[in-house]
């Protein structure tokens, strides 16, 4: 957990790391927690169970459970429990979006969707045929994109979304964000899709660090989104 000094009634943010569902750890993303805490937010940076030992929806359920914990404990750190934001990078963006947009997961965890003020997806694979990629090991045998992709699961009461796309991303294709944006708009959900120039799949999350903002506008975009939607 990362919190501003003497925080009181500030927004609470959950960050979910990437790694193709098969790698990564919260310890590698302390810079995100520290950066968002410096911006004035109580921030949790989580790990989750990894594939191939743990396949969809295990890691999505882990995000919902973490959000439940964060909501229950936000006030201990000076955060507001019903002023929640969820964000993630790459596979973590998939997890964050799916956990909030699919009505099943928050309901199972006991988190009202009304407590989530916004979702920020950073270079997320929200809409692709995983069966054609090595990442298929993160999904059940015989599953189809319709069964697991977040753009197929948008609830009508989902919160606003910010989808950040790296202009030079050759790992997660920009079509993912285009499809996700279209699905959100079809459901009547406010969404902004922003393409960040000069960034690739790695530097788009690196630019969330306070000392790497010269790389691009990731941190600036995240903060502006939260500030526009936080409780006052």
C-alpha atoms as a PDB file:
ATOM      1  CA  UNK A   1       0.000   0.000   0.000  1.00  0.00           C
ATOM      2  CA  UNK A   2       1.123   3.518  -0.823  1.00  0.00           C
ATOM      3  CA  UNK A   3      -0.455   6.635   0.644  1.00  0.00           C
ATOM      4  CA  UNK A   4       0.195  10.370   0.724  1.00  0.00           C
ATOM      5  CA  UNK A   5       1.347  11.764   4.081  1.00  0.00           C
ATOM      6  CA  UNK A   6      -1.664  12.627   6.255  1.00  0.00           C
ATOM      7  CA  UNK A   7      -4.094  11.432   3.572  1.00  0.00           C
ATOM      8  CA  UNK A   8      -7.732  12.073   4.352  1.00  0.00           C
ATOM      9  CA  UNK A   9     -10.723  11.197   2.181  1.00  0.00           C
ATOM     10  CA  UNK A  10      -8.696  10.894  -1.019  1.00  0.00           C
ATOM     11  CA  UNK A  11      -9.385   8.602  -4.004  1.00  0.00           C
ATOM     12  CA  UNK A  12      -8.275   4.990  -3.715  1.00  0.00           C
ATOM     13  CA  UNK A  13      -6.585   3.292  -6.680  1.00  0.00           C
ATOM     14  CA  UNK A  14      -5.874  -0.377  -7.421  1.00  0.00           C
ATOM     15  CA  UNK A  15      -3.101  -1.156  -9.931  1.00  0.00           C
ATOM     16  CA  UNK A  16      -2.798  -4.544 -11.662  1.00  0.00           C
ATOM     17  CA  UNK A  17       0.505  -5.492 -13.345  1.00  0.00           C
ATOM     18  CA  UNK A  18       1.031  -7.112 -16.735  1.00  0.00           C
ATOM     19  CA  UNK A  19       3.121 -10.066 -17.832  1.00  0.00           C
ATOM     20  CA  UNK A  20       0.948 -12.069 -20.254  1.00  0.00           C
ATOM     21  CA  UNK A  21      -0.802 -13.565 -17.182  1.00  0.00           C
ATOM     22  CA  UNK A  22       2.305 -15.711 -16.691  1.00  0.00           C
ATOM     23  CA  UNK A  23       4.789 -13.387 -14.996  1.00  0.00           C
ATOM     24  CA  UNK A  24       5.247 -10.200 -13.036  1.00  0.00           C
ATOM     25  CA  UNK A  25       4.847  -9.301  -9.403  1.00  0.00           C
ATOM     26  CA  UNK A  26       3.691  -6.289  -7.433  1.00  0.00           C
ATOM     27  CA  UNK A  27       7.265  -5.755  -6.226  1.00  0.00           C
ATOM     28  CA  UNK A  28       8.229  -4.798  -9.785  1.00  0.00           C
ATOM     29  CA  UNK A  29       5.681  -1.966  -9.832  1.00  0.00           C
ATOM     30  CA  UNK A  30       6.408  -0.056  -6.666  1.00  0.00           C
ATOM     31  CA  UNK A  31       7.078   2.939  -8.911  1.00  0.00           C
ATOM     32  CA  UNK A  32       3.392   3.049  -9.874  1.00  0.00           C
ATOM     33  CA  UNK A  33       2.254   3.028  -6.259  1.00  0.00           C
ATOM     34  CA  UNK A  34       4.767   5.686  -5.267  1.00  0.00           C
ATOM     35  CA  UNK A  35       3.876   7.836  -8.275  1.00  0.00           C
ATOM     36  CA  UNK A  36       0.142   7.760  -7.606  1.00  0.00           C
ATOM     37  CA  UNK A  37       0.643   8.324  -3.881  1.00  0.00           C
ATOM     38  CA  UNK A  38       2.677  11.439  -4.718  1.00  0.00           C
ATOM     39  CA  UNK A  39      -0.263  12.543  -6.859  1.00  0.00           C
ATOM     40  CA  UNK A  40      -2.462  12.356  -3.756  1.00  0.00           C
ATOM     41  CA  UNK A  41      -4.080   8.923  -3.955  1.00  0.00           C
ATOM     42  CA  UNK A  42      -4.111   5.902  -1.673  1.00  0.00           C
ATOM     43  CA  UNK A  43      -2.841   3.143  -3.955  1.00  0.00           C
ATOM     44  CA  UNK A  44      -2.739  -0.615  -3.757  1.00  0.00           C
ATOM     45  CA  UNK A  45      -0.444  -2.554  -6.103  1.00  0.00           C
ATOM     46  CA  UNK A  46      -1.430  -6.212  -6.280  1.00  0.00           C
ATOM     47  CA  UNK A  47      -0.120  -9.573  -7.394  1.00  0.00           C
ATOM     48  CA  UNK A  48      -2.398 -12.327  -8.658  1.00  0.00           C
ATOM     49  CA  UNK A  49      -2.266 -16.038  -9.336  1.00  0.00           C
ATOM     50  CA  UNK A  50      -0.460 -16.762 -12.596  1.00  0.00           C
ATOM     51  CA  UNK A  51      -1.024 -19.031 -15.574  1.00  0.00           C
ATOM     52  CA  UNK A  52      -0.662 -21.710 -16.717  1.00  0.00           C
ATOM     53  CA  UNK A  53      -1.275 -23.138 -13.262  1.00  0.00           C
ATOM     54  CA  UNK A  54      -4.137 -20.671 -12.840  1.00  0.00           C
ATOM     55  CA  UNK A  55      -6.307 -19.872 -15.836  1.00  0.00           C
ATOM     56  CA  UNK A  56      -9.172 -17.466 -16.483  1.00  0.00           C
ATOM     57  CA  UNK A  57     -11.117 -16.435 -14.452  1.00  0.00           C
ATOM     58  CA  UNK A  58      -8.837 -17.030 -11.454  1.00  0.00           C
ATOM     59  CA  UNK A  59      -6.749 -13.884 -11.916  1.00  0.00           C
ATOM     60  CA  UNK A  60      -9.852 -11.774 -12.558  1.00  0.00           C
ATOM     61  CA  UNK A  61     -11.404 -13.053  -9.336  1.00  0.00           C
ATOM     62  CA  UNK A  62      -8.170 -12.067  -7.579  1.00  0.00           C
ATOM     63  CA  UNK A  63      -8.643  -8.493  -8.790  1.00  0.00           C
ATOM     64  CA  UNK A  64     -12.226  -8.403  -7.528  1.00  0.00           C
ATOM     65  CA  UNK A  65     -11.077  -9.780  -4.162  1.00  0.00           C
ATOM     66  CA  UNK A  66      -8.300  -7.171  -3.968  1.00  0.00           C
ATOM     67  CA  UNK A  67     -10.805  -4.444  -4.726  1.00  0.00           C
ATOM     68  CA  UNK A  68     -13.027  -5.754  -1.939  1.00  0.00           C
ATOM     69  CA  UNK A  69     -10.078  -5.650   0.473  1.00  0.00           C
ATOM     70  CA  UNK A  70      -9.103  -2.171  -0.663  1.00  0.00           C
ATOM     71  CA  UNK A  71     -12.636  -0.886  -0.198  1.00  0.00           C
ATOM     72  CA  UNK A  72     -12.865  -2.444   3.262  1.00  0.00           C
ATOM     73  CA  UNK A  73      -9.514  -0.995   4.360  1.00  0.00           C
ATOM     74  CA  UNK A  74      -9.262   2.280   2.448  1.00  0.00           C
ATOM     75  CA  UNK A  75     -10.100   4.440   5.440  1.00  0.00           C
ATOM     76  CA  UNK A  76      -7.200   2.980   7.430  1.00  0.00           C
ATOM     77  CA  UNK A  77      -4.865   4.651   4.923  1.00  0.00           C
ATOM     78  CA  UNK A  78      -6.910   7.825   4.437  1.00  0.00           C
ATOM     79  CA  UNK A  79      -8.745   6.751   1.301  1.00  0.00           C
ATOM     80  CA  UNK A  80     -12.431   6.889   0.501  1.00  0.00           C
ATOM     81  CA  UNK A  81     -13.945   3.398   0.154  1.00  0.00           C
ATOM     82  CA  UNK A  82     -16.488   4.508  -2.447  1.00  0.00           C
ATOM     83  CA  UNK A  83     -14.080   6.611  -4.493  1.00  0.00           C
ATOM     84  CA  UNK A  84     -12.319   3.693  -6.166  1.00  0.00           C
ATOM     85  CA  UNK A  85     -10.378   3.590  -9.406  1.00  0.00           C
ATOM     86  CA  UNK A  86      -9.008   0.448 -11.032  1.00  0.00           C
ATOM     87  CA  UNK A  87      -6.109   0.474 -13.473  1.00  0.00           C
ATOM     88  CA  UNK A  88      -3.769  -2.041 -15.049  1.00  0.00           C
ATOM     89  CA  UNK A  89      -1.171  -2.529 -17.756  1.00  0.00           C
ATOM     90  CA  UNK A  90      -1.280  -5.142 -20.529  1.00  0.00           C
ATOM     91  CA  UNK A  91      -2.687  -8.391 -19.070  1.00  0.00           C
ATOM     92  CA  UNK A  92      -3.380  -6.376 -15.931  1.00  0.00           C
ATOM     93  CA  UNK A  93      -5.539  -4.015 -17.970  1.00  0.00           C
ATOM     94  CA  UNK A  94      -7.526  -7.006 -19.212  1.00  0.00           C
ATOM     95  CA  UNK A  95      -7.936  -8.123 -15.589  1.00  0.00           C
ATOM     96  CA  UNK A  96      -8.996  -4.670 -14.399  1.00  0.00           C
ATOM     97  CA  UNK A  97     -11.521  -4.103 -17.176  1.00  0.00           C
ATOM     98  CA  UNK A  98     -12.971  -7.613 -17.003  1.00  0.00           C
ATOM     99  CA  UNK A  99     -13.263  -7.485 -13.201  1.00  0.00           C
ATOM    100  CA  UNK A 100     -15.347  -4.307 -13.351  1.00  0.00           C
ATOM    101  CA  UNK A 101     -17.234  -4.644 -16.631  1.00  0.00           C
ATOM    102  CA  UNK A 102     -18.404  -8.226 -16.273  1.00  0.00           C
ATOM    103  CA  UNK A 103     -21.225  -7.982 -13.722  1.00  0.00           C
ATOM    104  CA  UNK A 104     -20.356 -11.389 -12.294  1.00  0.00           C
ATOM    105  CA  UNK A 105     -17.034 -10.655 -10.617  1.00  0.00           C
ATOM    106  CA  UNK A 106     -17.797  -7.625  -8.423  1.00  0.00           C
ATOM    107  CA  UNK A 107     -21.097  -9.210  -7.388  1.00  0.00           C
ATOM    108  CA  UNK A 108     -19.309 -12.374  -6.285  1.00  0.00           C
ATOM    109  CA  UNK A 109     -16.773 -10.326  -4.320  1.00  0.00           C
ATOM    110  CA  UNK A 110     -19.413  -8.132  -2.699  1.00  0.00           C
ATOM    111  CA  UNK A 111     -18.291  -4.843  -4.249  1.00  0.00           C
ATOM    112  CA  UNK A 112     -21.018  -2.508  -5.571  1.00  0.00           C
ATOM    113  CA  UNK A 113     -20.139  -1.188  -9.002  1.00  0.00           C
ATOM    114  CA  UNK A 114     -21.260   2.243  -7.828  1.00  0.00           C
ATOM    115  CA  UNK A 115     -18.147   2.352  -5.621  1.00  0.00           C
ATOM    116  CA  UNK A 116     -15.915   2.283  -8.707  1.00  0.00           C
ATOM    117  CA  UNK A 117     -15.605   5.765 -10.175  1.00  0.00           C
ATOM    118  CA  UNK A 118     -13.506   4.812 -13.182  1.00  0.00           C
ATOM    119  CA  UNK A 119     -11.312   2.278 -14.963  1.00  0.00           C
ATOM    120  CA  UNK A 120      -7.998   3.028 -16.691  1.00  0.00           C
ATOM    121  CA  UNK A 121      -6.744   0.419 -19.142  1.00  0.00           C
ATOM    122  CA  UNK A 122      -3.138   0.792 -20.299  1.00  0.00           C
ATOM    123  CA  UNK A 123      -2.236  -1.152 -23.467  1.00  0.00           C
ATOM    124  CA  UNK A 124      -4.708  -3.906 -22.684  1.00  0.00           C
ATOM    125  CA  UNK A 125      -5.572  -6.987 -24.803  1.00  0.00           C
ATOM    126  CA  UNK A 126      -9.336  -6.640 -24.390  1.00  0.00           C
ATOM    127  CA  UNK A 127     -10.425  -8.181 -27.686  1.00  0.00           C
ATOM    128  CA  UNK A 128      -8.327 -10.787 -29.471  1.00  0.00           C
ATOM    129  CA  UNK A 129      -8.369 -14.454 -30.400  1.00  0.00           C
ATOM    130  CA  UNK A 130      -6.044 -15.834 -27.748  1.00  0.00           C
ATOM    131  CA  UNK A 131      -6.155 -19.240 -29.414  1.00  0.00           C
ATOM    132  CA  UNK A 132      -3.663 -17.968 -31.986  1.00  0.00           C
ATOM    133  CA  UNK A 133      -1.057 -16.792 -29.440  1.00  0.00           C
ATOM    134  CA  UNK A 134       1.179 -18.289 -26.719  1.00  0.00           C
ATOM    135  CA  UNK A 135      -1.008 -16.556 -24.145  1.00  0.00           C
ATOM    136  CA  UNK A 136      -3.667 -19.196 -24.835  1.00  0.00           C
ATOM    137  CA  UNK A 137      -2.253 -21.033 -21.811  1.00  0.00           C
ATOM    138  CA  UNK A 138      -3.921 -18.378 -19.638  1.00  0.00           C
ATOM    139  CA  UNK A 139      -7.384 -19.450 -20.771  1.00  0.00           C
ATOM    140  CA  UNK A 140      -9.373 -22.669 -20.409  1.00  0.00           C
ATOM    141  CA  UNK A 141      -8.993 -25.382 -23.027  1.00  0.00           C
ATOM    142  CA  UNK A 142     -11.806 -25.080 -25.525  1.00  0.00           C
ATOM    143  CA  UNK A 143     -12.767 -21.540 -24.485  1.00  0.00           C
ATOM    144  CA  UNK A 144     -13.665 -18.942 -27.110  1.00  0.00           C
ATOM    145  CA  UNK A 145     -13.106 -15.173 -27.200  1.00  0.00           C
ATOM    146  CA  UNK A 146     -16.832 -14.631 -26.693  1.00  0.00           C
ATOM    147  CA  UNK A 147     -16.567 -16.393 -23.335  1.00  0.00           C
ATOM    148  CA  UNK A 148     -13.584 -14.509 -21.939  1.00  0.00           C
ATOM    149  CA  UNK A 149     -12.893 -11.187 -23.672  1.00  0.00           C
ATOM    150  CA  UNK A 150     -13.905  -8.020 -21.773  1.00  0.00           C
ATOM    151  CA  UNK A 151     -15.380  -6.333 -24.841  1.00  0.00           C
ATOM    152  CA  UNK A 152     -18.061  -9.058 -24.873  1.00  0.00           C
ATOM    153  CA  UNK A 153     -18.997  -8.505 -21.214  1.00  0.00           C
ATOM    154  CA  UNK A 154     -19.811  -4.801 -20.799  1.00  0.00           C
ATOM    155  CA  UNK A 155     -22.439  -4.232 -18.130  1.00  0.00           C
ATOM    156  CA  UNK A 156     -24.914  -1.378 -18.718  1.00  0.00           C
ATOM    157  CA  UNK A 157     -23.972   0.333 -15.447  1.00  0.00           C
ATOM    158  CA  UNK A 158     -20.175   0.235 -15.871  1.00  0.00           C
ATOM    159  CA  UNK A 159     -18.237   3.354 -14.803  1.00  0.00           C
ATOM    160  CA  UNK A 160     -16.351   5.659 -17.217  1.00  0.00           C
ATOM    161  CA  UNK A 161     -13.208   4.291 -18.872  1.00  0.00           C
ATOM    162  CA  UNK A 162      -9.911   5.708 -20.078  1.00  0.00           C
ATOM    163  CA  UNK A 163      -8.122   3.495 -22.600  1.00  0.00           C
ATOM    164  CA  UNK A 164      -4.480   4.458 -23.111  1.00  0.00           C
ATOM    165  CA  UNK A 165      -2.775   3.144 -26.235  1.00  0.00           C
ATOM    166  CA  UNK A 166       0.938   3.272 -27.092  1.00  0.00           C
ATOM    167  CA  UNK A 167       1.382   4.537 -30.649  1.00  0.00           C
ATOM    168  CA  UNK A 168       4.338   2.183 -31.217  1.00  0.00           C
ATOM    169  CA  UNK A 169       2.893  -0.898 -29.490  1.00  0.00           C
ATOM    170  CA  UNK A 170       3.760  -4.051 -31.424  1.00  0.00           C
ATOM    171  CA  UNK A 171       2.847  -6.418 -28.579  1.00  0.00           C
ATOM    172  CA  UNK A 172      -0.825  -5.550 -28.064  1.00  0.00           C
ATOM    173  CA  UNK A 173      -2.432  -4.315 -31.247  1.00  0.00           C
ATOM    174  CA  UNK A 174      -4.368  -1.016 -31.148  1.00  0.00           C
ATOM    175  CA  UNK A 175      -7.465  -2.815 -32.474  1.00  0.00           C
ATOM    176  CA  UNK A 176      -7.990  -4.126 -28.947  1.00  0.00           C
ATOM    177  CA  UNK A 177      -8.707  -0.628 -27.661  1.00  0.00           C
ATOM    178  CA  UNK A 178     -10.811   0.226 -30.705  1.00  0.00           C
ATOM    179  CA  UNK A 179     -13.012  -2.809 -30.125  1.00  0.00           C
ATOM    180  CA  UNK A 180     -13.237  -2.113 -26.399  1.00  0.00           C
ATOM    181  CA  UNK A 181     -14.164   1.501 -27.043  1.00  0.00           C
ATOM    182  CA  UNK A 182     -16.890   0.420 -29.476  1.00  0.00           C
ATOM    183  CA  UNK A 183     -18.341  -2.046 -26.976  1.00  0.00           C
ATOM    184  CA  UNK A 184     -18.414   0.566 -24.220  1.00  0.00           C
ATOM    185  CA  UNK A 185     -20.034   3.148 -26.474  1.00  0.00           C
ATOM    186  CA  UNK A 186     -22.651   0.627 -27.594  1.00  0.00           C
ATOM    187  CA  UNK A 187     -23.531   0.082 -23.916  1.00  0.00           C
ATOM    188  CA  UNK A 188     -23.702   3.849 -23.322  1.00  0.00           C
ATOM    189  CA  UNK A 189     -20.607   3.931 -21.108  1.00  0.00           C
ATOM    190  CA  UNK A 190     -18.447   7.099 -21.206  1.00  0.00           C
ATOM    191  CA  UNK A 191     -15.061   6.217 -22.668  1.00  0.00           C
ATOM    192  CA  UNK A 192     -11.983   8.073 -23.843  1.00  0.00           C
ATOM    193  CA  UNK A 193      -9.394   6.331 -25.996  1.00  0.00           C
ATOM    194  CA  UNK A 194      -6.093   8.204 -26.114  1.00  0.00           C
ATOM    195  CA  UNK A 195      -3.127   7.256 -28.284  1.00  0.00           C
ATOM    196  CA  UNK A 196       0.155   8.337 -26.716  1.00  0.00           C
ATOM    197  CA  UNK A 197       2.850   9.173 -29.288  1.00  0.00           C
ATOM    198  CA  UNK A 198       6.377   7.872 -29.033  1.00  0.00           C
ATOM    199  CA  UNK A 199       5.549   5.103 -26.566  1.00  0.00           C
ATOM    200  CA  UNK A 200       5.705   1.339 -26.924  1.00  0.00           C
ATOM    201  CA  UNK A 201       4.255  -1.503 -24.878  1.00  0.00           C
ATOM    202  CA  UNK A 202       6.883  -1.151 -22.150  1.00  0.00           C
ATOM    203  CA  UNK A 203       7.489   2.593 -22.039  1.00  0.00           C
ATOM    204  CA  UNK A 204       3.769   3.372 -21.738  1.00  0.00           C
ATOM    205  CA  UNK A 205       3.805   1.983 -18.205  1.00  0.00           C
ATOM    206  CA  UNK A 206       7.313   3.270 -17.506  1.00  0.00           C
ATOM    207  CA  UNK A 207       5.975   6.765 -18.161  1.00  0.00           C
ATOM    208  CA  UNK A 208       3.711   6.357 -15.132  1.00  0.00           C
ATOM    209  CA  UNK A 209       6.777   6.875 -12.930  1.00  0.00           C
ATOM    210  CA  UNK A 210       7.337  10.393 -11.607  1.00  0.00           C
ATOM    211  CA  UNK A 211      10.906  10.532 -12.912  1.00  0.00           C
ATOM    212  CA  UNK A 212      10.042   9.192 -16.382  1.00  0.00           C
ATOM    213  CA  UNK A 213       7.250  11.530 -17.412  1.00  0.00           C
ATOM    214  CA  UNK A 214       9.540  12.847 -20.174  1.00  0.00           C
ATOM    215  CA  UNK A 215       8.798   9.580 -21.993  1.00  0.00           C
ATOM    216  CA  UNK A 216       5.141  10.394 -22.461  1.00  0.00           C
ATOM    217  CA  UNK A 217       1.857  11.445 -20.916  1.00  0.00           C
ATOM    218  CA  UNK A 218       0.743   8.257 -19.135  1.00  0.00           C
ATOM    219  CA  UNK A 219       0.903   9.727 -15.627  1.00  0.00           C
ATOM    220  CA  UNK A 220      -0.638  13.025 -16.712  1.00  0.00           C
ATOM    221  CA  UNK A 221      -3.539  11.248 -18.407  1.00  0.00           C
ATOM    222  CA  UNK A 222      -4.191   8.995 -15.402  1.00  0.00           C
ATOM    223  CA  UNK A 223      -4.237  11.882 -12.956  1.00  0.00           C
ATOM    224  CA  UNK A 224      -6.481  14.027 -15.161  1.00  0.00           C
ATOM    225  CA  UNK A 225      -8.983  11.164 -15.474  1.00  0.00           C
ATOM    226  CA  UNK A 226      -9.062  10.549 -11.731  1.00  0.00           C
ATOM    227  CA  UNK A 227      -9.364  14.234 -10.902  1.00  0.00           C
ATOM    228  CA  UNK A 228     -12.289  14.640 -13.300  1.00  0.00           C
ATOM    229  CA  UNK A 229     -14.226  11.757 -11.750  1.00  0.00           C
ATOM    230  CA  UNK A 230     -13.304  11.636  -8.065  1.00  0.00           C
ATOM    231  CA  UNK A 231     -15.831  12.409  -5.371  1.00  0.00           C
ATOM    232  CA  UNK A 232     -15.775  15.990  -4.152  1.00  0.00           C
END
